[in-house]
Amino acid sequence: MNELHYIIDNYREIRSRADEAAKKANRQPQDVCVLAVSKTHSLDKVLAAMEDGIIEFGENYVQELKEKQEQVIKGNHPQPNWHFIGHLQSNKVKYIAPFVKMIHSVDSAKLAQEIDRQAAKNDRIIDILLQVNTSGEESKSGVAPDDVFALADSIKDLKNIRVRGLMTIGTFAEDREISISEFTLLRTLRDKLQELHPEAELTHLSMGMTNDYEIAIEQGASIVRIGTAIFGQRDYSKK
């Protein structure tokens, strides 16, 4: 897989910049996960990244993730930690519930209840994040900021899921102040939610992508989702 060494080089560059952003914010670099978003990229690229110790990968499409996991098992490859970060339909939860590490995009009680049900069937507890639409854009999924508290309350008694924090997809803009505003909002919501639910371990803020991950880290991100800057341009014809 030497021809794929650029993936490792790219990741190391992103990791270095993430570490510097963390230090700038007086945070520990190890508290920030650089999630390698491998959607539409082949399992060979994932395996190439794993050769350098990268184990956290994000996927957006259920069928693609299911197929990659089947290839992992068939090829007796090491098991990656799969994060599902795309819009998730309730009727497709069953395909990823047996193995997914974390689902970032939970935006309804119905979806949370189905994840809980499928997790129980697989004798698992699945970590989830509640997705918040911090930009107000209709094209983006997620609950309105003020509605996240009611969502959290409605699912707090489910036994086979564990809410670990919040996620957002920020506005894709060059305006740094917009990014700061949206990421600060998510952090503020998480902090308030933690006060309301002191028993929960709401340690995660999944926010920031290739264009704004350093800003996100400065504002408290624990997970940044980086795809193109690590794996190169995507081929959506293969998803």
Protein backbone atom coordinates (compact mmCIF):
# COMPACT_ATOMS: atom_id res chain seq x y z
CA MET A 1 0.00 0.00 0.00
CA ASN A 2 3.00 2.29 -0.46
CA GLU A 3 1.15 4.21 -3.15
CA LEU A 4 -1.32 5.26 -0.44
CA HIS A 5 1.34 6.68 1.88
CA TYR A 6 0.02 10.17 1.16
CA ILE A 7 -2.92 9.33 3.45
CA ILE A 8 -0.56 8.91 6.38
CA ASP A 9 1.34 12.08 5.47
CA ASN A 10 -1.91 14.03 5.25
CA TYR A 11 -3.16 12.67 8.56
CA ARG A 12 0.07 13.52 10.33
CA GLU A 13 -0.14 17.09 9.03
CA ILE A 14 -3.75 17.44 10.23
CA ARG A 15 -2.85 15.84 13.57
CA SER A 16 0.04 18.26 14.03
CA ARG A 17 -2.15 21.27 13.35
CA ALA A 18 -4.87 19.90 15.63
CA ASP A 19 -2.31 19.49 18.41
CA GLU A 20 -1.15 23.09 17.98
CA ALA A 21 -4.75 24.35 18.07
CA ALA A 22 -5.34 22.41 21.28
CA LYS A 23 -2.22 23.81 22.92
CA LYS A 24 -3.22 27.31 21.85
CA ALA A 25 -6.50 26.80 23.71
CA ASN A 26 -4.69 25.41 26.79
CA ARG A 27 -6.08 21.95 26.09
CA GLN A 28 -4.41 18.55 25.97
CA PRO A 29 -3.89 17.33 22.36
CA GLN A 30 -4.89 13.80 23.35
CA ASP A 31 -8.35 15.12 24.25
CA VAL A 32 -9.05 15.80 20.55
CA CYS A 33 -9.88 12.94 18.18
CA VAL A 34 -9.15 13.52 14.50
CA LEU A 35 -11.86 11.39 12.91
CA ALA A 36 -10.80 10.22 9.45
CA VAL A 37 -13.92 10.49 7.29
CA SER A 38 -13.60 7.65 4.81
CA LYS A 39 -16.97 7.86 3.07
CA THR A 40 -16.80 6.92 -0.64
CA HIS A 41 -13.18 5.79 -0.19
CA SER A 42 -12.14 2.16 -0.45
CA LEU A 43 -11.37 -0.13 2.44
CA ASP A 44 -7.80 -0.27 1.10
CA LYS A 45 -7.42 3.38 2.06
CA VAL A 46 -8.80 2.69 5.53
CA LEU A 47 -6.36 -0.19 5.96
CA ALA A 48 -3.48 1.98 4.75
CA ALA A 49 -4.37 4.55 7.40
CA MET A 50 -4.60 1.83 10.05
CA GLU A 51 -1.03 0.77 9.29
CA ASP A 52 0.04 4.04 10.92
CA GLY A 53 -2.16 3.49 13.97
CA ILE A 54 -5.26 5.44 12.85
CA ILE A 55 -8.32 3.56 14.11
CA GLU A 56 -11.19 6.11 14.24
CA PHE A 57 -13.14 6.41 10.96
CA GLY A 58 -16.34 8.23 10.02
CA GLU A 59 -18.91 7.03 7.48
CA ASN A 60 -22.05 8.72 6.14
CA TYR A 61 -23.87 5.96 4.27
CA VAL A 62 -25.29 2.83 5.90
CA GLN A 63 -24.89 0.51 2.92
CA GLU A 64 -21.29 1.56 2.34
CA LEU A 65 -20.42 1.12 6.01
CA LYS A 66 -22.11 -2.28 6.13
CA GLU A 67 -20.15 -3.44 3.08
CA LYS A 68 -16.85 -2.21 4.51
CA GLN A 69 -17.48 -3.99 7.78
CA GLU A 70 -18.27 -7.20 5.89
CA GLN A 71 -14.95 -6.84 4.05
CA VAL A 72 -13.16 -6.33 7.37
CA ILE A 73 -14.60 -9.58 8.70
CA LYS A 74 -14.09 -11.55 5.48
CA GLY A 75 -10.48 -10.40 5.17
CA ASN A 76 -9.74 -10.96 8.87
CA HIS A 77 -8.50 -7.37 9.09
CA PRO A 78 -8.10 -5.44 12.35
CA GLN A 79 -11.39 -3.91 13.50
CA PRO A 80 -11.62 -0.13 12.98
CA ASN A 81 -13.70 2.05 15.29
CA TRP A 82 -16.56 3.08 13.02
CA HIS A 83 -18.43 6.32 13.69
CA PHE A 84 -21.66 6.97 11.79
CA ILE A 85 -21.87 10.69 11.06
CA GLY A 86 -24.52 10.98 8.33
CA HIS A 87 -28.29 11.25 8.37
CA LEU A 88 -29.61 7.94 9.71
CA GLN A 89 -33.02 6.47 8.97
CA SER A 90 -34.59 4.40 11.73
CA ASN A 91 -35.17 1.40 9.46
CA LYS A 92 -31.44 1.15 8.71
CA VAL A 93 -30.14 1.19 12.28
CA LYS A 94 -30.23 -2.62 12.41
CA TYR A 95 -27.46 -2.86 9.82
CA ILE A 96 -24.86 -0.99 11.86
CA ALA A 97 -25.99 -1.66 15.44
CA PRO A 98 -23.89 -4.83 15.80
CA PHE A 99 -20.58 -2.99 15.40
CA VAL A 100 -20.76 0.82 15.22
CA LYS A 101 -18.81 2.60 17.97
CA MET A 102 -20.69 5.90 17.99
CA ILE A 103 -23.61 7.49 16.12
CA HIS A 104 -23.14 11.26 15.86
CA SER A 105 -26.38 12.22 14.13
CA VAL A 106 -29.29 11.49 16.45
CA ASP A 107 -31.93 14.16 16.02
CA SER A 108 -35.18 12.56 17.19
CA ALA A 109 -36.54 10.43 20.01
CA LYS A 110 -37.79 7.91 17.43
CA LEU A 111 -34.27 7.36 16.12
CA ALA A 112 -32.79 7.13 19.62
CA GLN A 113 -35.43 4.58 20.60
CA GLU A 114 -34.65 2.42 17.57
CA ILE A 115 -30.91 2.57 18.28
CA ASP A 116 -31.68 1.52 21.84
CA ARG A 117 -33.84 -1.36 20.61
CA GLN A 118 -31.26 -2.63 18.15
CA ALA A 119 -28.45 -2.21 20.68
CA ALA A 120 -30.40 -4.37 23.14
CA LYS A 121 -30.90 -7.05 20.48
CA ASN A 122 -27.11 -7.12 20.03
CA ASP A 123 -26.41 -7.02 23.77
CA ARG A 124 -24.62 -3.70 23.40
CA ILE A 125 -24.69 -0.14 24.71
CA ILE A 126 -24.14 2.31 21.85
CA ASP A 127 -22.74 5.79 22.39
CA ILE A 128 -24.64 8.55 20.62
CA LEU A 129 -24.41 12.29 20.10
CA LEU A 130 -27.41 14.56 19.69
CA GLN A 131 -27.22 16.59 16.48
CA VAL A 132 -28.04 20.28 16.76
CA ASN A 133 -28.68 22.59 13.81
CA THR A 134 -26.65 25.57 14.99
CA SER A 135 -26.76 27.40 11.65
CA GLY A 136 -30.53 27.42 11.18
CA GLU A 137 -30.10 26.22 7.60
CA GLU A 138 -33.07 24.13 6.42
CA SER A 139 -30.76 21.90 4.40
CA LYS A 140 -29.04 20.65 7.56
CA SER A 141 -30.36 18.00 9.92
CA GLY A 142 -30.48 18.41 13.66
CA VAL A 143 -32.82 19.75 16.28
CA ALA A 144 -33.16 23.45 16.93
CA PRO A 145 -30.85 24.58 19.75
CA ASP A 146 -33.68 25.16 22.22
CA ASP A 147 -35.13 21.70 21.51
CA VAL A 148 -32.08 19.67 22.48
CA PHE A 149 -33.04 19.69 26.16
CA ALA A 150 -36.47 18.17 25.50
CA LEU A 151 -34.89 15.53 23.26
CA ALA A 152 -32.38 14.61 25.96
CA ASP A 153 -35.14 14.39 28.57
CA SER A 154 -37.28 12.14 26.37
CA ILE A 155 -34.57 9.50 25.99
CA LYS A 156 -32.78 9.67 29.34
CA ASP A 157 -34.27 6.39 30.57
CA LEU A 158 -33.22 4.28 27.59
CA LYS A 159 -30.82 1.61 28.83
CA ASN A 160 -28.89 0.59 25.73
CA ILE A 161 -27.75 3.97 24.49
CA ARG A 162 -25.49 6.47 26.18
CA VAL A 163 -25.64 10.15 25.26
CA ARG A 164 -22.04 11.37 25.22
CA GLY A 165 -22.47 14.94 23.93
CA LEU A 166 -23.52 17.01 20.95
CA MET A 167 -22.71 17.29 17.26
CA THR A 168 -23.19 19.99 14.65
CA ILE A 169 -22.37 20.69 11.03
CA GLY A 170 -21.22 24.28 10.90
CA THR A 171 -21.87 26.80 8.17
CA PHE A 172 -19.43 26.34 5.32
CA ALA A 173 -18.16 29.90 5.25
CA GLU A 174 -14.91 31.81 5.27
CA ASP A 175 -16.17 34.04 8.07
CA ARG A 176 -14.32 32.98 11.21
CA GLU A 177 -16.80 34.80 13.44
CA ILE A 178 -19.70 32.71 12.12
CA SER A 179 -17.81 29.52 12.94
CA ILE A 180 -16.90 30.76 16.40
CA SER A 181 -20.51 31.72 17.09
CA GLU A 182 -21.90 28.33 16.09
CA PHE A 183 -19.25 26.30 17.90
CA THR A 184 -19.61 28.42 21.02
CA LEU A 185 -23.37 27.84 20.91
CA LEU A 186 -22.89 24.08 20.79
CA ARG A 187 -20.45 24.17 23.71
CA THR A 188 -22.84 26.33 25.73
CA LEU A 189 -25.72 23.94 25.04
CA ARG A 190 -23.60 20.96 26.08
CA ASP A 191 -22.53 22.67 29.29
CA LYS A 192 -26.12 23.51 30.19
CA LEU A 193 -27.22 19.98 29.35
CA GLN A 194 -24.48 18.63 31.62
CA GLU A 195 -25.78 20.79 34.47
CA LEU A 196 -29.29 19.43 33.93
CA HIS A 197 -28.03 15.84 33.74
CA PRO A 198 -25.04 15.62 36.09
CA GLU A 199 -25.16 11.82 35.96
CA ALA A 200 -24.31 11.84 32.24
CA GLU A 201 -20.78 11.97 30.85
CA LEU A 202 -21.23 14.58 28.13
CA THR A 203 -17.57 14.80 27.22
CA HIS A 204 -17.91 15.12 23.45
CA LEU A 205 -18.44 17.98 21.03
CA SER A 206 -18.27 16.70 17.45
CA MET A 207 -17.76 19.83 15.37
CA GLY A 208 -15.37 21.14 12.79
CA MET A 209 -14.32 19.79 9.41
CA THR A 210 -11.47 20.41 6.98
CA ASN A 211 -12.18 24.12 6.57
CA ASP A 212 -12.71 25.02 10.22
CA TYR A 213 -11.39 22.28 12.50
CA GLU A 214 -8.74 24.46 14.15
CA ILE A 215 -11.40 27.00 15.13
CA ALA A 216 -13.58 24.16 16.43
CA ILE A 217 -10.75 22.84 18.60
CA GLU A 218 -10.14 26.29 20.03
CA GLN A 219 -13.85 26.37 20.96
CA GLY A 220 -13.80 22.97 22.66
CA ALA A 221 -14.27 20.28 19.99
CA SER A 222 -13.33 16.80 21.16
CA ILE A 223 -13.93 15.24 17.73
CA VAL A 224 -13.16 16.91 14.40
CA ARG A 225 -14.31 15.22 11.19
CA ILE A 226 -11.70 15.37 8.42
CA GLY A 227 -12.20 13.70 5.05
CA THR A 228 -10.84 15.26 1.87
CA ALA A 229 -7.75 16.69 3.57
CA ILE A 230 -6.76 13.14 4.55
CA PHE A 231 -8.03 10.87 1.78
CA GLY A 232 -8.21 13.23 -1.20
CA GLN A 233 -11.20 14.05 -3.39
CA ARG A 234 -14.22 11.80 -3.13
CA ASP A 235 -15.81 9.78 -5.92
CA TYR A 236 -19.54 9.94 -5.18
CA SER A 237 -20.32 7.61 -8.11
CA LYS A 238 -19.15 4.72 -5.90
CA LYS A 239 -21.18 5.43 -2.78
